[in-house]
Amino acid sequence: MRLYLILAAGLSLLVAQEACADTIVLKNGRRIVADSVVVDGDKVRYLTVAGELVLPKSMVDHIEKGGARQMPGSATTGAANLNITPPSLEPSKANAAAESGAVHDGVVDREFLATVASDARSGAPGANEKAAIAYHAAAQLELVHGDMEHALDDERTALTYEPDNPVMLLNVAFLHLRRSEYKQALDYLERAQRVAPENPDVPKLTGWAYYGMNKLRQAVAEWERALALKPDAEVQAALDKARRDQQEEENYRENESSHFTLRYSGEAEPGLAREVLRALETHFSAIELELSYTPPEPIGVILYTQQAFADITRAPGWAGALNDGRIRVPVQGLTQLTPELSRVLKHELTHSFIRQKTRANAPTWMQEGLAQWMEGKRSGAAAAVLLQLYDAKQAMPLGDLEGSWLSLSNEVSAYAYAWALANVEYIVQVDGMTDMQRILDRLAGGSTAETALRQVLRSDYEELMQSTARYLRKTY
């Protein structure tokens, strides 16, 4: 663990990004960019956002005062992953019998589904309800397993047997929301509103759809109506978030282009906003070509002051931008587009592409690795540190890097970003962007990341890391 911390501390500063700082030059030639470097006896102490770190003085050649460090990377969450649960059917004996027939021993019984479907076609009494409940149960199990494609297919099938069942209408909408398909969700929510106008889940999910479409006023109104119908902690949390956005953006200016809706603080220069839109459109075309995909809906972009970004996003200190369905970037003090800001915009825009292409089913390591690749980063100096960690058997498994990184420390997040980039770099350099596209397509179909890798690369996570280590050793 001690070796991991020493190496990760160095790595965090090898891959860190721009602000005023000192540089610690080690005897092996490696350079560590840090804040407030102090020599204390036989130790060198330096500050990061994670607190004070220490190196043995014997490892240090000299210290260079002043310099630049890069701005920390991005953090992602996603409007498709709001903390909202799907509506459920009221329990009953009839429901329980159909559910237990459709799902048992942890799998879907397709023979049972075929039987109830046949009964429904024959017009047997109660057969339509039984078939609808059975297919709904199958969809719920597939949702739990992350198989969004089959879950949506089975929930739609359930709806064919009971077209006006509000819970099934809402669950189809829920699955579209999870897939970032907001307009499709609204079609089902409008039907649910007609058959169940007082059901609080209708405005609950409708607010989610509008939030995903960057329509804050409508989202707030729907969530307020949902709370008036029924107190709900999930709705309250979503409403609080939307209200913070709405209050902050009340006096923001707005620009639009073919693929973007841009809002920016009155303190930002209008010329900067225009340059940002031009850069985003250029990046859009480049990423569209690389990923062979075009997002169907305009993407929201917000330019903040530094304080507003911290207050609104509540992102960790290492996050220099955030994409939660909207691209949120602090630009305080800038009067024109810089190469660094352009890089950050391309990184964040890549997240929007991947989220929509995979229907919000890409693991964080793949999201962040591909976003770094698209912005132009390569492993470079970080390769040696990653290999030291790997050879010392201190490498964190990719499975541990699938979920949210927002709670990671500065050192661990730096390690995570570096390994994510290395793995994606290996895939693209050795197997080509076409294979990366095929992996993303399989994720869109509901496959897990490791299953998609096996299908495309014939590699599991452990084999991918082994191959990445060999690639880093050979290349760098």
Protein backbone atom coordinates (compact mmCIF):
# COMPACT_ATOMS: atom_id res chain seq x y z
CA MET A 1 0.00 0.00 0.00
CA ARG A 2 2.89 2.38 0.83
CA LEU A 3 4.44 1.79 -2.60
CA TYR A 4 1.06 2.42 -4.21
CA LEU A 5 0.69 5.76 -2.40
CA ILE A 6 4.20 6.91 -3.31
CA LEU A 7 3.77 5.99 -6.96
CA ALA A 8 0.19 7.24 -7.14
CA ALA A 9 1.25 10.55 -5.63
CA GLY A 10 3.81 10.94 -8.37
CA LEU A 11 1.30 9.82 -10.98
CA SER A 12 -1.32 12.28 -9.77
CA LEU A 13 1.05 15.07 -10.61
CA LEU A 14 2.35 13.58 -13.82
CA VAL A 15 -1.18 13.54 -15.18
CA ALA A 16 -2.38 16.62 -13.30
CA GLN A 17 -3.34 19.85 -15.20
CA GLU A 18 -2.71 24.26 -15.37
CA ALA A 19 -2.20 26.45 -12.28
CA CYS A 20 0.75 28.03 -10.50
CA ALA A 21 2.96 25.41 -8.81
CA ASP A 22 6.48 24.21 -8.01
CA THR A 23 8.18 21.25 -9.66
CA ILE A 24 10.01 18.51 -7.78
CA VAL A 25 12.61 16.89 -10.05
CA LEU A 26 13.50 13.37 -8.94
CA LYS A 27 16.90 11.73 -9.49
CA ASN A 28 15.35 9.31 -11.98
CA GLY A 29 14.33 12.30 -14.11
CA ARG A 30 10.66 12.23 -13.21
CA ARG A 31 9.06 15.61 -12.47
CA ILE A 32 6.31 16.14 -9.89
CA VAL A 33 4.30 19.35 -10.13
CA ALA A 34 3.04 20.37 -6.68
CA ASP A 35 1.84 23.18 -4.43
CA SER A 36 3.86 24.65 -1.56
CA VAL A 37 6.96 22.42 -1.68
CA VAL A 38 8.97 22.51 1.58
CA VAL A 39 12.22 20.71 2.46
CA ASP A 40 11.92 19.40 6.03
CA GLY A 41 15.09 17.61 7.14
CA ASP A 42 15.36 14.36 5.21
CA LYS A 43 11.85 14.77 3.73
CA VAL A 44 10.24 16.89 1.04
CA ARG A 45 6.66 17.89 1.86
CA TYR A 46 4.21 19.20 -0.72
CA LEU A 47 0.49 19.99 -0.87
CA THR A 48 -2.26 18.65 -3.12
CA VAL A 49 -6.03 19.00 -2.92
CA ALA A 50 -5.95 15.73 -1.02
CA GLY A 51 -3.68 17.16 1.67
CA GLU A 52 0.05 16.95 2.41
CA LEU A 53 2.23 14.28 0.82
CA VAL A 54 5.83 13.38 1.65
CA LEU A 55 8.80 12.09 -0.36
CA PRO A 56 12.23 11.03 0.96
CA LYS A 57 14.74 13.80 0.20
CA SER A 58 17.14 11.15 -1.07
CA MET A 59 14.85 10.66 -4.12
CA VAL A 60 14.91 14.38 -5.04
CA ASP A 61 17.50 15.96 -7.34
CA HIS A 62 16.27 19.56 -7.12
CA ILE A 63 13.15 21.74 -6.83
CA GLU A 64 12.10 24.31 -9.43
CA LYS A 65 10.03 27.16 -8.01
CA GLY A 66 7.06 28.39 -10.00
CA GLY A 67 5.62 26.87 -13.18
CA ALA A 68 2.40 25.49 -14.50
CA ARG A 69 0.24 22.53 -13.71
CA GLN A 70 -2.71 21.33 -15.73
CA MET A 71 -6.30 21.74 -14.68
CA PRO A 72 -7.83 18.59 -13.18
CA GLY A 73 -9.89 16.34 -15.39
CA SER A 74 -13.63 16.00 -15.59
CA ALA A 75 -16.21 14.19 -13.54
CA THR A 76 -19.26 12.48 -15.03
CA THR A 77 -22.55 11.33 -13.65
CA GLY A 78 -25.51 11.79 -15.97
CA ALA A 79 -29.11 12.88 -16.28
CA ALA A 80 -29.78 9.29 -17.37
CA ASN A 81 -28.69 8.12 -13.94
CA LEU A 82 -30.75 10.29 -11.61
CA ASN A 83 -31.48 8.53 -8.34
CA ILE A 84 -35.03 7.59 -9.34
CA THR A 85 -36.46 4.08 -9.08
CA PRO A 86 -38.95 2.51 -11.51
CA PRO A 87 -42.66 2.43 -10.61
CA SER A 88 -43.85 -0.95 -9.30
CA LEU A 89 -47.07 -2.97 -9.53
CA GLU A 90 -49.25 -3.38 -6.48
CA PRO A 91 -48.64 -6.87 -5.04
CA SER A 92 -51.43 -9.41 -5.45
CA LYS A 93 -51.82 -13.19 -5.58
CA ALA A 94 -52.51 -13.07 -9.33
CA ASN A 95 -49.40 -10.95 -9.88
CA ALA A 96 -47.27 -13.22 -7.71
CA ALA A 97 -48.28 -16.34 -9.67
CA ALA A 98 -47.46 -14.76 -13.05
CA GLU A 99 -44.20 -13.28 -11.74
CA SER A 100 -42.99 -16.53 -10.18
CA GLY A 101 -43.76 -18.37 -13.41
CA ALA A 102 -41.90 -15.85 -15.56
CA VAL A 103 -38.87 -15.42 -13.30
CA HIS A 104 -37.37 -18.10 -11.06
CA ASP A 105 -33.90 -19.31 -10.12
CA GLY A 106 -32.55 -15.94 -11.21
CA VAL A 107 -33.47 -16.32 -14.90
CA VAL A 108 -36.36 -15.56 -17.25
CA ASP A 109 -38.45 -18.63 -18.19
CA ARG A 110 -39.05 -18.06 -21.90
CA GLU A 111 -41.17 -21.19 -22.20
CA PHE A 112 -43.57 -19.79 -19.61
CA LEU A 113 -43.71 -16.49 -21.48
CA ALA A 114 -44.52 -18.32 -24.71
CA THR A 115 -47.33 -20.20 -22.94
CA VAL A 116 -48.98 -17.09 -21.48
CA ALA A 117 -48.62 -15.33 -24.84
CA SER A 118 -50.38 -18.25 -26.53
CA ASP A 119 -53.17 -18.15 -23.92
CA ALA A 120 -53.62 -14.43 -24.54
CA ARG A 121 -53.93 -14.95 -28.29
CA SER A 122 -56.62 -17.61 -27.66
CA GLY A 123 -58.72 -15.10 -25.73
CA ALA A 124 -58.74 -17.07 -22.46
CA PRO A 125 -60.25 -15.10 -19.52
CA GLY A 126 -57.63 -13.09 -17.64
CA ALA A 127 -54.91 -14.22 -20.05
CA ASN A 128 -53.98 -10.71 -21.20
CA GLU A 129 -53.40 -9.51 -17.65
CA LYS A 130 -51.34 -12.60 -16.83
CA ALA A 131 -49.19 -12.18 -19.95
CA ALA A 132 -48.65 -8.49 -19.23
CA ILE A 133 -47.54 -9.20 -15.65
CA ALA A 134 -45.24 -12.03 -16.76
CA TYR A 135 -43.45 -9.92 -19.38
CA HIS A 136 -43.25 -7.03 -16.93
CA ALA A 137 -41.57 -9.34 -14.38
CA ALA A 138 -39.08 -10.45 -17.02
CA ALA A 139 -38.29 -6.82 -17.86
CA GLN A 140 -37.69 -5.98 -14.20
CA LEU A 141 -35.17 -8.82 -13.82
CA GLU A 142 -33.36 -7.74 -17.00
CA LEU A 143 -33.25 -4.16 -15.71
CA VAL A 144 -31.61 -5.37 -12.49
CA HIS A 145 -29.01 -7.21 -14.59
CA GLY A 146 -28.38 -4.10 -16.70
CA ASP A 147 -29.79 -5.68 -19.87
CA MET A 148 -31.59 -2.56 -21.03
CA GLU A 149 -32.29 -3.79 -24.54
CA HIS A 150 -34.20 -6.91 -23.51
CA ALA A 151 -35.83 -5.09 -20.60
CA LEU A 152 -37.30 -2.54 -23.00
CA ASP A 153 -38.40 -5.23 -25.46
CA ASP A 154 -40.19 -7.21 -22.74
CA GLU A 155 -41.79 -4.14 -21.15
CA ARG A 156 -43.12 -3.07 -24.54
CA THR A 157 -44.48 -6.58 -25.05
CA ALA A 158 -46.21 -6.37 -21.65
CA LEU A 159 -47.81 -3.14 -22.82
CA THR A 160 -49.28 -4.81 -25.93
CA TYR A 161 -51.42 -6.97 -23.63
CA GLU A 162 -52.55 -4.04 -21.44
CA PRO A 163 -52.05 -0.86 -23.51
CA ASP A 164 -53.57 1.42 -20.86
CA ASN A 165 -51.77 -0.02 -17.83
CA PRO A 166 -50.20 3.08 -16.22
CA VAL A 167 -47.41 1.19 -14.45
CA MET A 168 -46.29 -0.47 -17.66
CA LEU A 169 -46.51 2.81 -19.57
CA LEU A 170 -44.38 4.40 -16.87
CA ASN A 171 -41.86 1.57 -16.92
CA VAL A 172 -41.38 1.84 -20.68
CA ALA A 173 -40.84 5.58 -20.15
CA PHE A 174 -38.41 4.84 -17.29
CA LEU A 175 -36.32 2.56 -19.52
CA HIS A 176 -36.18 5.21 -22.25
CA LEU A 177 -35.06 7.74 -19.64
CA ARG A 178 -32.30 5.40 -18.49
CA ARG A 179 -31.20 5.18 -22.13
CA SER A 180 -31.15 9.01 -22.48
CA GLU A 181 -34.07 8.79 -24.94
CA TYR A 182 -36.07 11.65 -23.51
CA LYS A 183 -38.45 12.40 -26.39
CA GLN A 184 -39.45 8.73 -26.66
CA ALA A 185 -40.09 8.71 -22.91
CA LEU A 186 -42.41 11.71 -23.21
CA ASP A 187 -44.59 9.85 -25.74
CA TYR A 188 -45.36 7.16 -23.14
CA LEU A 189 -45.66 9.68 -20.31
CA GLU A 190 -48.32 11.60 -22.25
CA ARG A 191 -50.30 8.36 -22.60
CA ALA A 192 -49.85 7.66 -18.87
CA GLN A 193 -51.08 11.18 -18.06
CA ARG A 194 -54.31 10.54 -19.97
CA VAL A 195 -55.09 7.26 -18.17
CA ALA A 196 -53.75 8.16 -14.70
CA PRO A 197 -53.72 11.98 -14.27
CA GLU A 198 -53.34 11.79 -10.49
CA ASN A 199 -50.50 9.25 -10.44
CA PRO A 200 -47.49 11.08 -8.90
CA ASP A 201 -45.04 8.94 -10.88
CA VAL A 202 -46.21 10.61 -14.11
CA PRO A 203 -44.88 14.11 -13.26
CA LYS A 204 -41.94 12.49 -11.46
CA LEU A 205 -40.72 10.87 -14.68
CA THR A 206 -41.88 13.76 -16.89
CA GLY A 207 -39.67 16.09 -14.87
CA TRP A 208 -36.77 13.73 -15.49
CA ALA A 209 -37.43 13.83 -19.26
CA TYR A 210 -37.48 17.62 -19.33
CA TYR A 211 -34.36 17.80 -17.16
CA GLY A 212 -32.55 15.53 -19.61
CA MET A 213 -33.65 17.81 -22.46
CA ASN A 214 -32.22 20.87 -20.62
CA LYS A 215 -35.70 22.33 -20.07
CA LEU A 216 -35.30 23.40 -16.46
CA ARG A 217 -38.50 25.42 -16.09
CA GLN A 218 -40.66 22.50 -17.24
CA ALA A 219 -38.67 20.03 -15.10
CA VAL A 220 -39.14 22.14 -11.98
CA ALA A 221 -42.88 22.53 -12.63
CA GLU A 222 -43.37 18.78 -13.08
CA TRP A 223 -41.39 17.86 -9.96
CA GLU A 224 -43.31 20.45 -7.93
CA ARG A 225 -46.57 18.87 -9.13
CA ALA A 226 -45.26 15.40 -8.23
CA LEU A 227 -44.50 16.53 -4.67
CA ALA A 228 -47.92 18.14 -4.36
CA LEU A 229 -49.44 14.74 -5.17
CA LYS A 230 -47.14 12.74 -2.87
CA PRO A 231 -44.03 13.44 -0.75
CA ASP A 232 -41.04 11.70 -2.33
CA ALA A 233 -37.37 11.97 -1.30
CA GLU A 234 -36.16 11.13 -4.82
CA VAL A 235 -38.25 13.90 -6.35
CA GLN A 236 -37.17 16.37 -3.66
CA ALA A 237 -33.48 15.70 -4.35
CA ALA A 238 -33.98 16.09 -8.10
CA LEU A 239 -36.03 19.27 -7.61
CA ASP A 240 -33.40 20.80 -5.32
CA LYS A 241 -30.74 20.16 -7.97
CA ALA A 242 -32.87 21.66 -10.74
CA ARG A 243 -33.75 24.70 -8.61
CA ARG A 244 -30.06 25.37 -7.93
CA ASP A 245 -29.47 25.34 -11.68
CA GLN A 246 -32.50 27.51 -12.34
CA GLN A 247 -31.56 30.10 -9.72
CA GLU A 248 -27.97 30.31 -10.92
CA GLU A 249 -28.93 30.55 -14.59
CA GLU A 250 -31.80 33.01 -14.13
CA ASN A 251 -29.82 35.92 -15.59
CA TYR A 252 -27.55 33.92 -17.88
CA ARG A 253 -27.31 34.78 -21.55
CA GLU A 254 -28.04 32.18 -24.19
CA ASN A 255 -26.60 31.29 -27.61
CA GLU A 256 -27.43 28.40 -29.93
CA SER A 257 -25.83 26.53 -32.80
CA SER A 258 -26.75 23.47 -34.85
CA HIS A 259 -26.04 20.98 -32.06
CA PHE A 260 -25.75 23.05 -28.86
CA THR A 261 -27.66 25.30 -26.50
CA LEU A 262 -25.14 27.47 -24.62
CA ARG A 263 -25.88 29.44 -21.46
CA TYR A 264 -23.24 31.60 -19.83
CA SER A 265 -22.76 33.94 -16.92
CA GLY A 266 -23.10 37.66 -17.58
CA GLU A 267 -19.50 37.95 -16.37
CA ALA A 268 -18.29 35.94 -19.37
CA GLU A 269 -17.41 37.65 -22.65
CA PRO A 270 -19.96 37.24 -25.49
CA GLY A 271 -17.01 36.75 -27.83
CA LEU A 272 -15.82 33.82 -25.73
CA ALA A 273 -19.28 32.25 -25.91
CA ARG A 274 -19.24 32.47 -29.71
CA GLU A 275 -15.76 30.93 -29.86
CA VAL A 276 -16.85 28.12 -27.55
CA LEU A 277 -19.78 27.29 -29.83
CA ARG A 278 -17.54 27.27 -32.91
CA ALA A 279 -15.06 24.98 -31.15
CA LEU A 280 -17.84 22.67 -29.99
CA GLU A 281 -19.21 22.34 -33.53
CA THR A 282 -15.71 21.51 -34.82
CA HIS A 283 -15.24 18.90 -32.09
CA PHE A 284 -18.74 17.53 -32.78
CA SER A 285 -17.81 16.78 -36.39
CA ALA A 286 -14.53 15.13 -35.39
CA ILE A 287 -16.06 12.89 -32.70
CA GLU A 288 -19.03 12.07 -34.93
CA LEU A 289 -16.59 10.73 -37.53
CA GLU A 290 -14.49 8.76 -35.01
CA LEU A 291 -17.44 7.11 -33.24
CA SER A 292 -19.70 6.79 -36.29
CA TYR A 293 -22.60 8.25 -34.31
CA THR A 294 -24.67 11.44 -34.20
CA PRO A 295 -26.46 12.45 -30.97
CA PRO A 296 -30.11 13.06 -31.89
CA GLU A 297 -30.81 16.01 -29.56
CA PRO A 298 -29.11 19.36 -28.84
CA ILE A 299 -26.53 19.25 -26.05
CA GLY A 300 -26.68 21.77 -23.21
CA VAL A 301 -23.50 23.67 -22.27
CA ILE A 302 -23.08 25.99 -19.25
CA LEU A 303 -20.14 28.37 -18.73
CA TYR A 304 -19.70 29.29 -15.05
CA THR A 305 -17.60 31.41 -12.79
CA GLN A 306 -15.30 29.25 -10.65
CA GLN A 307 -17.41 29.76 -7.52
CA ALA A 308 -20.69 29.07 -9.29
CA PHE A 309 -19.24 25.85 -10.74
CA ALA A 310 -18.24 24.67 -7.26
CA ASP A 311 -21.59 25.68 -5.71
CA ILE A 312 -23.79 24.17 -8.41
CA THR A 313 -21.96 20.96 -9.31
CA ARG A 314 -20.55 20.16 -5.84
CA ALA A 315 -17.88 18.24 -7.72
CA PRO A 316 -14.64 17.14 -6.03
CA GLY A 317 -11.73 19.57 -6.01
CA TRP A 318 -9.85 17.65 -8.72
CA ALA A 319 -12.70 18.03 -11.24
CA GLY A 320 -12.07 20.83 -13.74
CA ALA A 321 -15.38 20.29 -15.56
CA LEU A 322 -18.46 18.09 -15.28
CA ASN A 323 -20.90 16.40 -17.64
CA ASP A 324 -24.17 15.27 -16.09
CA GLY A 325 -26.11 15.46 -19.32
CA ARG A 326 -25.12 19.10 -19.60
CA ILE A 327 -21.50 20.15 -20.15
CA ARG A 328 -20.53 22.39 -17.23
CA VAL A 329 -17.23 24.29 -17.43
CA PRO A 330 -15.74 27.12 -15.30
CA VAL A 331 -14.27 29.86 -17.51
CA GLN A 332 -13.68 32.70 -15.04
CA GLY A 333 -11.07 35.18 -16.24
CA LEU A 334 -10.99 33.95 -19.83
CA THR A 335 -11.75 36.41 -22.63
CA GLN A 336 -10.99 34.09 -25.53
CA LEU A 337 -10.83 30.39 -26.29
CA THR A 338 -7.55 28.85 -25.12
CA PRO A 339 -6.10 25.51 -26.25
CA GLU A 340 -6.71 24.19 -22.73
CA LEU A 341 -10.40 25.19 -22.77
CA SER A 342 -10.81 23.69 -26.23
CA ARG A 343 -9.30 20.44 -24.94
CA VAL A 344 -11.69 20.37 -21.97
CA LEU A 345 -14.68 21.00 -24.25
CA LYS A 346 -13.71 18.11 -26.53
CA HIS A 347 -13.23 15.85 -23.51
CA GLU A 348 -16.66 16.69 -22.11
CA LEU A 349 -18.37 16.48 -25.48
CA THR A 350 -16.97 12.96 -25.91
CA HIS A 351 -18.83 12.00 -22.72
CA SER A 352 -22.09 13.21 -24.27
CA PHE A 353 -21.48 11.12 -27.38
CA ILE A 354 -20.57 7.97 -25.44
CA ARG A 355 -23.49 8.32 -23.03
CA GLN A 356 -26.00 8.61 -25.84
CA LYS A 357 -24.36 6.04 -28.12
CA THR A 358 -24.24 3.40 -25.35
CA ARG A 359 -27.56 4.47 -23.78
CA ALA A 360 -25.73 5.33 -20.57
CA ASN A 361 -24.20 1.85 -20.34
CA ALA A 362 -20.47 2.62 -20.58
CA PRO A 363 -18.31 2.08 -17.47
CA THR A 364 -16.51 5.13 -16.12
CA TRP A 365 -13.04 3.84 -17.05
CA MET A 366 -14.08 3.53 -20.70
CA GLN A 367 -15.82 6.91 -20.66
CA GLU A 368 -12.80 8.69 -19.20
CA GLY A 369 -10.24 6.77 -21.21
CA LEU A 370 -11.94 7.53 -24.51
CA ALA A 371 -12.58 11.16 -23.56
CA GLN A 372 -8.87 11.62 -22.84
CA TRP A 373 -7.95 9.86 -26.08
CA MET A 374 -10.26 12.15 -28.08
CA GLU A 375 -8.82 15.29 -26.52
CA GLY A 376 -5.36 14.17 -27.65
CA LYS A 377 -3.79 12.75 -24.49
CA ARG A 378 -1.47 9.74 -24.61
CA SER A 379 0.11 7.77 -21.77
CA GLY A 380 3.63 9.15 -22.20
CA ALA A 381 5.42 9.75 -18.89
CA ALA A 382 2.64 8.10 -16.88
CA ALA A 383 3.44 4.74 -18.49
CA ALA A 384 6.51 4.11 -16.32
CA VAL A 385 4.58 4.74 -13.10
CA LEU A 386 1.68 2.55 -14.23
CA LEU A 387 4.10 -0.26 -15.03
CA GLN A 388 5.73 0.03 -11.60
CA LEU A 389 2.32 -0.31 -9.98
CA TYR A 390 1.39 -3.19 -12.25
CA ASP A 391 4.67 -5.06 -11.69
CA ALA A 392 4.30 -4.57 -7.93
CA LYS A 393 0.80 -6.11 -8.20
CA GLN A 394 -0.67 -2.86 -6.88
CA ALA A 395 -2.78 -2.18 -9.99
CA MET A 396 -6.45 -1.58 -9.25
CA PRO A 397 -8.68 -4.00 -11.23
CA LEU A 398 -10.74 -2.44 -14.02
CA GLY A 399 -13.85 -3.80 -12.36
CA ASP A 400 -13.20 -1.40 -9.48
CA LEU A 401 -13.15 1.52 -11.95
CA GLU A 402 -16.57 0.89 -13.49
CA GLY A 403 -18.69 3.04 -11.15
CA SER A 404 -18.64 6.71 -10.17
CA TRP A 405 -15.28 8.32 -9.43
CA LEU A 406 -16.70 11.38 -7.67
CA SER A 407 -15.68 10.13 -4.23
CA LEU A 408 -12.11 9.23 -5.22
CA SER A 409 -9.16 11.01 -3.64
CA ASN A 410 -6.82 13.10 -5.77
CA GLU A 411 -4.20 10.34 -5.93
CA VAL A 412 -6.61 7.52 -6.73
CA SER A 413 -8.45 9.60 -9.33
CA ALA A 414 -5.15 10.38 -11.04
CA TYR A 415 -4.33 6.67 -11.12
CA ALA A 416 -7.82 5.88 -12.44
CA TYR A 417 -7.56 8.43 -15.26
CA ALA A 418 -4.10 7.20 -16.25
CA TRP A 419 -5.08 3.52 -16.35
CA ALA A 420 -8.32 4.34 -18.18
CA LEU A 421 -6.39 6.19 -20.88
CA ALA A 422 -3.79 3.42 -21.14
CA ASN A 423 -6.40 0.72 -21.73
CA VAL A 424 -8.31 2.72 -24.33
CA GLU A 425 -5.04 3.75 -25.99
CA TYR A 426 -4.06 0.10 -26.30
CA ILE A 427 -7.44 -0.84 -27.81
CA VAL A 428 -7.39 1.99 -30.36
CA GLN A 429 -3.71 1.75 -31.30
CA VAL A 430 -3.64 -2.05 -31.64
CA ASP A 431 -7.19 -3.00 -32.60
CA GLY A 432 -8.39 0.25 -34.18
CA MET A 433 -11.28 2.64 -33.63
CA THR A 434 -13.59 0.24 -35.46
CA ASP A 435 -13.24 -2.25 -32.61
CA MET A 436 -13.90 0.56 -30.12
CA GLN A 437 -17.10 1.36 -32.01
CA ARG A 438 -18.11 -2.32 -31.90
CA ILE A 439 -17.54 -2.40 -28.13
CA LEU A 440 -19.73 0.69 -27.68
CA ASP A 441 -22.44 -0.82 -29.90
CA ARG A 442 -22.52 -3.92 -27.72
CA LEU A 443 -22.81 -1.77 -24.62
CA ALA A 444 -25.78 -0.06 -26.27
CA GLY A 445 -27.33 -3.49 -26.69
CA GLY A 446 -27.13 -4.09 -22.95
CA SER A 447 -23.89 -6.09 -22.69
CA THR A 448 -21.64 -5.54 -19.70
CA ALA A 449 -18.27 -3.96 -20.45
CA GLU A 450 -16.36 -7.20 -19.84
CA THR A 451 -18.79 -9.17 -22.02
CA ALA A 452 -18.41 -6.59 -24.81
CA LEU A 453 -14.62 -6.90 -24.57
CA ARG A 454 -14.85 -10.69 -24.82
CA GLN A 455 -17.14 -10.46 -27.83
CA VAL A 456 -14.95 -7.97 -29.71
CA LEU A 457 -11.38 -8.43 -28.44
CA ARG A 458 -11.63 -11.99 -27.05
CA SER A 459 -10.25 -10.58 -23.78
CA ASP A 460 -11.58 -10.26 -20.25
CA TYR A 461 -10.53 -7.47 -17.88
CA GLU A 462 -7.43 -9.25 -16.60
CA GLU A 463 -6.26 -10.08 -20.11
CA LEU A 464 -6.88 -6.50 -21.24
CA MET A 465 -4.71 -5.15 -18.42
CA GLN A 466 -1.96 -7.65 -19.27
CA SER A 467 -2.08 -6.59 -22.91
CA THR A 468 -2.09 -2.92 -21.93
CA ALA A 469 0.98 -3.43 -19.73
CA ARG A 470 2.81 -5.12 -22.60
CA TYR A 471 1.80 -2.27 -24.91
CA LEU A 472 3.05 0.38 -22.48
CA ARG A 473 6.35 -1.47 -22.00
CA LYS A 474 6.90 -1.79 -25.74
CA THR A 475 5.77 1.73 -26.67
CA TYR A 476 7.17 3.88 -23.89
